C-alpha atoms as a PDB file:
ATOM      1  CA  UNK A   1     -36.985  61.365 -13.467  1.00  0.00           C
ATOM      2  CA  UNK A   2     -35.652  64.794 -12.834  1.00  0.00           C
ATOM      3  CA  UNK A   3     -33.196  65.961 -15.439  1.00  0.00           C
ATOM      4  CA  UNK A   4     -30.309  66.589 -12.892  1.00  0.00           C
ATOM      5  CA  UNK A   5     -30.776  62.842 -11.715  1.00  0.00           C
ATOM      6  CA  UNK A   6     -29.550  61.240 -15.123  1.00  0.00           C
ATOM      7  CA  UNK A   7     -25.989  60.742 -15.625  1.00  0.00           C
ATOM      8  CA  UNK A   8     -25.004  61.597 -19.173  1.00  0.00           C
ATOM      9  CA  UNK A   9     -22.596  59.167 -20.774  1.00  0.00           C
ATOM     10  CA  UNK A  10     -20.293  59.818 -23.574  1.00  0.00           C
ATOM     11  CA  UNK A  11     -22.283  57.270 -25.999  1.00  0.00           C
ATOM     12  CA  UNK A  12     -25.283  54.989 -25.673  1.00  0.00           C
ATOM     13  CA  UNK A  13     -29.057  55.112 -25.789  1.00  0.00           C
ATOM     14  CA  UNK A  14     -31.640  57.229 -24.019  1.00  0.00           C
ATOM     15  CA  UNK A  15     -35.295  56.600 -24.428  1.00  0.00           C
ATOM     16  CA  UNK A  16     -37.602  59.273 -23.517  1.00  0.00           C
ATOM     17  CA  UNK A  17     -41.257  57.898 -22.815  1.00  0.00           C
ATOM     18  CA  UNK A  18     -43.560  60.860 -23.747  1.00  0.00           C
ATOM     19  CA  UNK A  19     -47.373  61.107 -23.255  1.00  0.00           C
ATOM     20  CA  UNK A  20     -48.707  61.659 -26.834  1.00  0.00           C
ATOM     21  CA  UNK A  21     -50.183  65.007 -27.394  1.00  0.00           C
ATOM     22  CA  UNK A  22     -49.443  66.456 -23.984  1.00  0.00           C
ATOM     23  CA  UNK A  23     -49.296  70.122 -23.793  1.00  0.00           C
ATOM     24  CA  UNK A  24     -45.842  70.080 -22.106  1.00  0.00           C
ATOM     25  CA  UNK A  25     -44.043  67.824 -24.625  1.00  0.00           C
ATOM     26  CA  UNK A  26     -42.433  70.758 -26.636  1.00  0.00           C
ATOM     27  CA  UNK A  27     -40.971  72.162 -23.449  1.00  0.00           C
ATOM     28  CA  UNK A  28     -39.896  68.714 -22.053  1.00  0.00           C
ATOM     29  CA  UNK A  29     -38.210  67.531 -25.333  1.00  0.00           C
ATOM     30  CA  UNK A  30     -36.295  70.847 -25.583  1.00  0.00           C
ATOM     31  CA  UNK A  31     -35.265  70.390 -21.967  1.00  0.00           C
ATOM     32  CA  UNK A  32     -34.074  66.886 -22.318  1.00  0.00           C
ATOM     33  CA  UNK A  33     -32.375  67.254 -25.649  1.00  0.00           C
ATOM     34  CA  UNK A  34     -30.414  70.048 -24.261  1.00  0.00           C
ATOM     35  CA  UNK A  35     -29.513  68.023 -21.286  1.00  0.00           C
ATOM     36  CA  UNK A  36     -28.397  64.803 -23.120  1.00  0.00           C
ATOM     37  CA  UNK A  37     -26.979  66.511 -26.121  1.00  0.00           C
ATOM     38  CA  UNK A  38     -27.441  63.523 -28.446  1.00  0.00           C
ATOM     39  CA  UNK A  39     -25.595  63.028 -31.867  1.00  0.00           C
ATOM     40  CA  UNK A  40     -28.541  61.164 -33.007  1.00  0.00           C
ATOM     41  CA  UNK A  41     -32.356  61.696 -32.430  1.00  0.00           C
ATOM     42  CA  UNK A  42     -34.843  58.876 -33.365  1.00  0.00           C
ATOM     43  CA  UNK A  43     -38.600  59.362 -33.258  1.00  0.00           C
ATOM     44  CA  UNK A  44     -41.597  57.008 -32.991  1.00  0.00           C
ATOM     45  CA  UNK A  45     -43.184  58.839 -36.035  1.00  0.00           C
ATOM     46  CA  UNK A  46     -43.537  57.585 -39.648  1.00  0.00           C
ATOM     47  CA  UNK A  47     -42.799  59.308 -42.890  1.00  0.00           C
ATOM     48  CA  UNK A  48     -46.467  58.650 -43.793  1.00  0.00           C
ATOM     49  CA  UNK A  49     -47.624  60.402 -40.669  1.00  0.00           C
ATOM     50  CA  UNK A  50     -45.349  63.341 -41.358  1.00  0.00           C
ATOM     51  CA  UNK A  51     -46.429  63.811 -44.897  1.00  0.00           C
ATOM     52  CA  UNK A  52     -50.110  63.481 -44.037  1.00  0.00           C
ATOM     53  CA  UNK A  53     -49.853  66.313 -41.220  1.00  0.00           C
ATOM     54  CA  UNK A  54     -47.793  68.594 -43.570  1.00  0.00           C
ATOM     55  CA  UNK A  55     -50.437  68.064 -46.539  1.00  0.00           C
ATOM     56  CA  UNK A  56     -53.704  67.968 -44.568  1.00  0.00           C
ATOM     57  CA  UNK A  57     -53.259  68.802 -40.996  1.00  0.00           C
ATOM     58  CA  UNK A  58     -54.071  72.386 -41.424  1.00  0.00           C
ATOM     59  CA  UNK A  59     -57.427  71.485 -43.240  1.00  0.00           C
ATOM     60  CA  UNK A  60     -58.556  69.439 -40.309  1.00  0.00           C
ATOM     61  CA  UNK A  61     -57.316  71.936 -37.684  1.00  0.00           C
ATOM     62  CA  UNK A  62     -59.369  74.612 -39.380  1.00  0.00           C
ATOM     63  CA  UNK A  63     -62.457  72.397 -39.263  1.00  0.00           C
ATOM     64  CA  UNK A  64     -61.982  71.603 -35.576  1.00  0.00           C
ATOM     65  CA  UNK A  65     -61.544  75.419 -34.931  1.00  0.00           C
ATOM     66  CA  UNK A  66     -64.553  76.192 -36.877  1.00  0.00           C
ATOM     67  CA  UNK A  67     -66.681  73.690 -34.865  1.00  0.00           C
ATOM     68  CA  UNK A  68     -65.222  75.190 -31.704  1.00  0.00           C
ATOM     69  CA  UNK A  69     -65.939  78.699 -32.708  1.00  0.00           C
ATOM     70  CA  UNK A  70     -69.666  77.860 -33.536  1.00  0.00           C
ATOM     71  CA  UNK A  71     -69.992  76.371 -30.293  1.00  0.00           C
ATOM     72  CA  UNK A  72     -68.613  79.239 -28.352  1.00  0.00           C
ATOM     73  CA  UNK A  73     -70.990  81.590 -30.169  1.00  0.00           C
ATOM     74  CA  UNK A  74     -73.931  79.481 -29.359  1.00  0.00           C
ATOM     75  CA  UNK A  75     -72.741  79.235 -25.686  1.00  0.00           C
ATOM     76  CA  UNK A  76     -72.645  75.507 -25.753  1.00  0.00           C
ATOM     77  CA  UNK A  77     -70.431  73.631 -23.302  1.00  0.00           C
ATOM     78  CA  UNK A  78     -67.018  73.101 -24.812  1.00  0.00           C
ATOM     79  CA  UNK A  79     -64.203  71.249 -23.144  1.00  0.00           C
ATOM     80  CA  UNK A  80     -60.955  73.011 -23.826  1.00  0.00           C
ATOM     81  CA  UNK A  81     -58.697  69.969 -23.170  1.00  0.00           C
ATOM     82  CA  UNK A  82     -60.515  67.891 -25.660  1.00  0.00           C
ATOM     83  CA  UNK A  83     -60.208  70.686 -28.187  1.00  0.00           C
ATOM     84  CA  UNK A  84     -56.548  70.692 -27.607  1.00  0.00           C
ATOM     85  CA  UNK A  85     -56.292  66.883 -27.983  1.00  0.00           C
ATOM     86  CA  UNK A  86     -58.018  67.040 -31.307  1.00  0.00           C
ATOM     87  CA  UNK A  87     -55.744  69.872 -32.656  1.00  0.00           C
ATOM     88  CA  UNK A  88     -52.842  68.133 -31.402  1.00  0.00           C
ATOM     89  CA  UNK A  89     -53.960  64.896 -33.391  1.00  0.00           C
ATOM     90  CA  UNK A  90     -53.616  66.686 -36.813  1.00  0.00           C
ATOM     91  CA  UNK A  91     -50.709  69.034 -36.084  1.00  0.00           C
ATOM     92  CA  UNK A  92     -47.107  68.085 -36.274  1.00  0.00           C
ATOM     93  CA  UNK A  93     -46.098  66.548 -32.854  1.00  0.00           C
ATOM     94  CA  UNK A  94     -44.156  69.018 -30.817  1.00  0.00           C
ATOM     95  CA  UNK A  95     -41.597  66.317 -30.118  1.00  0.00           C
ATOM     96  CA  UNK A  96     -40.879  66.173 -33.769  1.00  0.00           C
ATOM     97  CA  UNK A  97     -40.669  70.066 -34.077  1.00  0.00           C
ATOM     98  CA  UNK A  98     -38.396  70.312 -31.217  1.00  0.00           C
ATOM     99  CA  UNK A  99     -36.244  67.475 -32.586  1.00  0.00           C
ATOM    100  CA  UNK A 100     -36.063  69.385 -36.027  1.00  0.00           C
ATOM    101  CA  UNK A 101     -34.937  72.627 -34.302  1.00  0.00           C
ATOM    102  CA  UNK A 102     -32.376  70.624 -32.196  1.00  0.00           C
ATOM    103  CA  UNK A 103     -30.813  68.849 -35.210  1.00  0.00           C
ATOM    104  CA  UNK A 104     -30.939  71.991 -37.299  1.00  0.00           C
ATOM    105  CA  UNK A 105     -28.917  74.081 -34.704  1.00  0.00           C
ATOM    106  CA  UNK A 106     -26.295  71.379 -34.013  1.00  0.00           C
ATOM    107  CA  UNK A 107     -24.381  68.754 -36.045  1.00  0.00           C
ATOM    108  CA  UNK A 108     -27.021  66.110 -35.099  1.00  0.00           C
ATOM    109  CA  UNK A 109     -28.967  63.665 -37.320  1.00  0.00           C
ATOM    110  CA  UNK A 110     -32.929  62.964 -37.104  1.00  0.00           C
ATOM    111  CA  UNK A 111     -34.387  59.769 -38.123  1.00  0.00           C
ATOM    112  CA  UNK A 112     -38.173  58.832 -38.082  1.00  0.00           C
ATOM    113  CA  UNK A 113     -38.378  55.039 -37.299  1.00  0.00           C
ATOM    114  CA  UNK A 114     -42.177  54.082 -37.106  1.00  0.00           C
ATOM    115  CA  UNK A 115     -43.979  51.989 -39.586  1.00  0.00           C
ATOM    116  CA  UNK A 116     -45.916  53.538 -42.367  1.00  0.00           C
ATOM    117  CA  UNK A 117     -48.537  50.876 -42.482  1.00  0.00           C
ATOM    118  CA  UNK A 118     -49.973  51.522 -39.061  1.00  0.00           C
ATOM    119  CA  UNK A 119     -50.037  55.201 -39.664  1.00  0.00           C
ATOM    120  CA  UNK A 120     -51.821  54.587 -42.930  1.00  0.00           C
ATOM    121  CA  UNK A 121     -54.428  52.261 -41.344  1.00  0.00           C
ATOM    122  CA  UNK A 122     -55.040  54.846 -38.435  1.00  0.00           C
ATOM    123  CA  UNK A 123     -55.195  57.809 -40.812  1.00  0.00           C
ATOM    124  CA  UNK A 124     -57.102  56.517 -43.606  1.00  0.00           C
ATOM    125  CA  UNK A 125     -60.590  57.134 -41.951  1.00  0.00           C
ATOM    126  CA  UNK A 126     -59.626  60.474 -40.610  1.00  0.00           C
ATOM    127  CA  UNK A 127     -62.167  62.313 -42.792  1.00  0.00           C
ATOM    128  CA  UNK A 128     -65.116  60.302 -41.332  1.00  0.00           C
ATOM    129  CA  UNK A 129     -63.647  60.529 -37.757  1.00  0.00           C
ATOM    130  CA  UNK A 130     -63.152  64.248 -38.010  1.00  0.00           C
ATOM    131  CA  UNK A 131     -66.529  65.173 -39.746  1.00  0.00           C
ATOM    132  CA  UNK A 132     -68.322  68.179 -38.035  1.00  0.00           C
ATOM    133  CA  UNK A 133     -70.862  65.859 -36.215  1.00  0.00           C
ATOM    134  CA  UNK A 134     -68.103  63.696 -34.542  1.00  0.00           C
ATOM    135  CA  UNK A 135     -65.808  66.662 -33.773  1.00  0.00           C
ATOM    136  CA  UNK A 136     -68.888  68.412 -31.911  1.00  0.00           C
ATOM    137  CA  UNK A 137     -69.459  65.010 -30.042  1.00  0.00           C
ATOM    138  CA  UNK A 138     -65.975  64.985 -28.782  1.00  0.00           C
ATOM    139  CA  UNK A 139     -66.010  68.541 -27.684  1.00  0.00           C
ATOM    140  CA  UNK A 140     -69.276  68.040 -25.875  1.00  0.00           C
ATOM    141  CA  UNK A 141     -68.662  64.534 -24.159  1.00  0.00           C
ATOM    142  CA  UNK A 142     -65.292  65.492 -22.641  1.00  0.00           C
ATOM    143  CA  UNK A 143     -64.302  61.834 -23.581  1.00  0.00           C
ATOM    144  CA  UNK A 144     -61.042  62.388 -25.581  1.00  0.00           C
ATOM    145  CA  UNK A 145     -57.820  60.978 -24.077  1.00  0.00           C
ATOM    146  CA  UNK A 146     -56.110  63.764 -22.303  1.00  0.00           C
ATOM    147  CA  UNK A 147     -52.847  64.391 -21.064  1.00  0.00           C
ATOM    148  CA  UNK A 148     -53.743  64.415 -17.446  1.00  0.00           C
ATOM    149  CA  UNK A 149     -55.543  61.040 -17.700  1.00  0.00           C
ATOM    150  CA  UNK A 150     -52.564  59.538 -19.352  1.00  0.00           C
ATOM    151  CA  UNK A 151     -50.212  60.918 -16.751  1.00  0.00           C
ATOM    152  CA  UNK A 152     -52.453  59.114 -13.987  1.00  0.00           C
ATOM    153  CA  UNK A 153     -52.084  55.918 -15.760  1.00  0.00           C
ATOM    154  CA  UNK A 154     -48.446  56.211 -16.322  1.00  0.00           C
ATOM    155  CA  UNK A 155     -47.756  57.154 -12.757  1.00  0.00           C
ATOM    156  CA  UNK A 156     -49.770  54.154 -11.347  1.00  0.00           C
ATOM    157  CA  UNK A 157     -47.874  51.833 -13.524  1.00  0.00           C
ATOM    158  CA  UNK A 158     -44.329  53.374 -12.525  1.00  0.00           C
ATOM    159  CA  UNK A 159     -45.247  53.594  -8.765  1.00  0.00           C
ATOM    160  CA  UNK A 160     -47.075  50.339  -8.347  1.00  0.00           C
ATOM    161  CA  UNK A 161     -46.643  48.052 -11.527  1.00  0.00           C
ATOM    162  CA  UNK A 162     -50.302  48.075 -12.119  1.00  0.00           C
ATOM    163  CA  UNK A 163     -50.979  47.983 -15.835  1.00  0.00           C
ATOM    164  CA  UNK A 164     -54.242  49.613 -16.704  1.00  0.00           C
ATOM    165  CA  UNK A 165     -52.772  50.853 -20.140  1.00  0.00           C
ATOM    166  CA  UNK A 166     -52.163  47.810 -22.146  1.00  0.00           C
ATOM    167  CA  UNK A 167     -49.017  46.898 -24.145  1.00  0.00           C
ATOM    168  CA  UNK A 168     -50.802  45.787 -27.315  1.00  0.00           C
ATOM    169  CA  UNK A 169     -49.740  43.402 -30.061  1.00  0.00           C
ATOM    170  CA  UNK A 170     -49.451  46.312 -32.570  1.00  0.00           C
ATOM    171  CA  UNK A 171     -46.965  47.916 -30.187  1.00  0.00           C
ATOM    172  CA  UNK A 172     -44.934  44.841 -30.154  1.00  0.00           C
ATOM    173  CA  UNK A 173     -44.754  44.609 -33.881  1.00  0.00           C
ATOM    174  CA  UNK A 174     -43.787  48.314 -34.046  1.00  0.00           C
ATOM    175  CA  UNK A 175     -41.224  47.991 -31.435  1.00  0.00           C
ATOM    176  CA  UNK A 176     -39.528  45.046 -33.171  1.00  0.00           C
ATOM    177  CA  UNK A 177     -39.321  47.035 -36.249  1.00  0.00           C
ATOM    178  CA  UNK A 178     -38.010  50.157 -34.366  1.00  0.00           C
ATOM    179  CA  UNK A 179     -35.364  48.218 -32.296  1.00  0.00           C
ATOM    180  CA  UNK A 180     -34.021  46.692 -35.370  1.00  0.00           C
ATOM    181  CA  UNK A 181     -33.547  49.949 -37.114  1.00  0.00           C
ATOM    182  CA  UNK A 182     -32.127  51.280 -34.053  1.00  0.00           C
ATOM    183  CA  UNK A 183     -29.559  48.665 -33.762  1.00  0.00           C
ATOM    184  CA  UNK A 184     -28.561  49.141 -37.413  1.00  0.00           C
ATOM    185  CA  UNK A 185     -28.296  53.079 -36.802  1.00  0.00           C
ATOM    186  CA  UNK A 186     -26.182  52.365 -33.554  1.00  0.00           C
ATOM    187  CA  UNK A 187     -23.844  50.012 -35.521  1.00  0.00           C
ATOM    188  CA  UNK A 188     -23.486  52.595 -38.228  1.00  0.00           C
ATOM    189  CA  UNK A 189     -22.833  55.531 -35.663  1.00  0.00           C
ATOM    190  CA  UNK A 190     -20.778  53.806 -33.390  1.00  0.00           C
ATOM    191  CA  UNK A 191     -19.591  55.598 -30.196  1.00  0.00           C
ATOM    192  CA  UNK A 192     -22.440  58.208 -30.419  1.00  0.00           C
ATOM    193  CA  UNK A 193     -25.037  59.298 -28.005  1.00  0.00           C
ATOM    194  CA  UNK A 194     -28.648  58.454 -29.060  1.00  0.00           C
ATOM    195  CA  UNK A 195     -31.934  59.677 -27.984  1.00  0.00           C
ATOM    196  CA  UNK A 196     -35.175  57.825 -29.024  1.00  0.00           C
ATOM    197  CA  UNK A 197     -38.414  59.629 -28.462  1.00  0.00           C
ATOM    198  CA  UNK A 198     -41.553  57.160 -28.114  1.00  0.00           C
ATOM    199  CA  UNK A 199     -44.756  56.935 -26.306  1.00  0.00           C
ATOM    200  CA  UNK A 200     -44.457  56.166 -22.536  1.00  0.00           C
ATOM    201  CA  UNK A 201     -46.145  52.778 -22.894  1.00  0.00           C
ATOM    202  CA  UNK A 202     -43.129  51.567 -25.045  1.00  0.00           C
ATOM    203  CA  UNK A 203     -40.988  51.894 -21.849  1.00  0.00           C
ATOM    204  CA  UNK A 204     -42.454  48.728 -20.614  1.00  0.00           C
ATOM    205  CA  UNK A 205     -40.774  46.680 -23.332  1.00  0.00           C
ATOM    206  CA  UNK A 206     -41.959  43.413 -21.994  1.00  0.00           C
ATOM    207  CA  UNK A 207     -40.102  41.345 -24.616  1.00  0.00           C
ATOM    208  CA  UNK A 208     -36.908  43.148 -23.990  1.00  0.00           C
ATOM    209  CA  UNK A 209     -36.477  44.206 -27.432  1.00  0.00           C
ATOM    210  CA  UNK A 210     -34.306  47.197 -26.585  1.00  0.00           C
ATOM    211  CA  UNK A 211     -32.387  45.701 -23.678  1.00  0.00           C
ATOM    212  CA  UNK A 212     -29.454  44.584 -25.953  1.00  0.00           C
ATOM    213  CA  UNK A 213     -28.804  48.367 -26.454  1.00  0.00           C
ATOM    214  CA  UNK A 214     -28.572  49.025 -22.837  1.00  0.00           C
ATOM    215  CA  UNK A 215     -30.826  51.913 -22.770  1.00  0.00           C
ATOM    216  CA  UNK A 216     -31.287  54.601 -20.038  1.00  0.00           C
ATOM    217  CA  UNK A 217     -35.158  55.109 -19.792  1.00  0.00           C
ATOM    218  CA  UNK A 218     -36.663  58.534 -19.017  1.00  0.00           C
ATOM    219  CA  UNK A 219     -40.077  59.372 -17.988  1.00  0.00           C
ATOM    220  CA  UNK A 220     -39.852  63.257 -18.271  1.00  0.00           C
ATOM    221  CA  UNK A 221     -42.997  64.147 -16.218  1.00  0.00           C
ATOM    222  CA  UNK A 222     -41.635  63.238 -12.818  1.00  0.00           C
END
């Protein structure tokens, strides 16, 4: 959906469906926030995930970059897109950084809406997942989920309705939680314009959890 094709209303909810860890996310988030100019920004990101990346992200990034440097020195095959994916996994999401800048420079509020529980469950084994051996495997095998692959899955779904990227039970639980929090926030900030930034798969919303909020859904990569 092109920026100019979206009619901006005085109030209401806009949902940006992002491809997690895509290289264009910072630029696209800046573009859409500047276009919509929300009074409130909410993110599919947890306080636990934020704390983890602030405290430990640089440690894992340094390890990833060290493995990549060793592979380059040994002239081993290294996939740059997989390297970017691994680094983005431990870095602060560019959508978060863009949102922080936007809310810092304007009278706007930022809320993190996602559940700490699932962040904890995913990140508790990161030390094992990102040991040197596994990092090397990912960089050699070129099997890390990439932005280009996700774009293809998203485009297939939006153009044809074919669902090769499942909407999982975990996503349903998290969306129930986030939609309830959004309803509370929108009641508290009545008459304000909201942007909720989430993964593109959540745009499916098969149980219509966000329908009561009358959202305008945006896939920013069109």
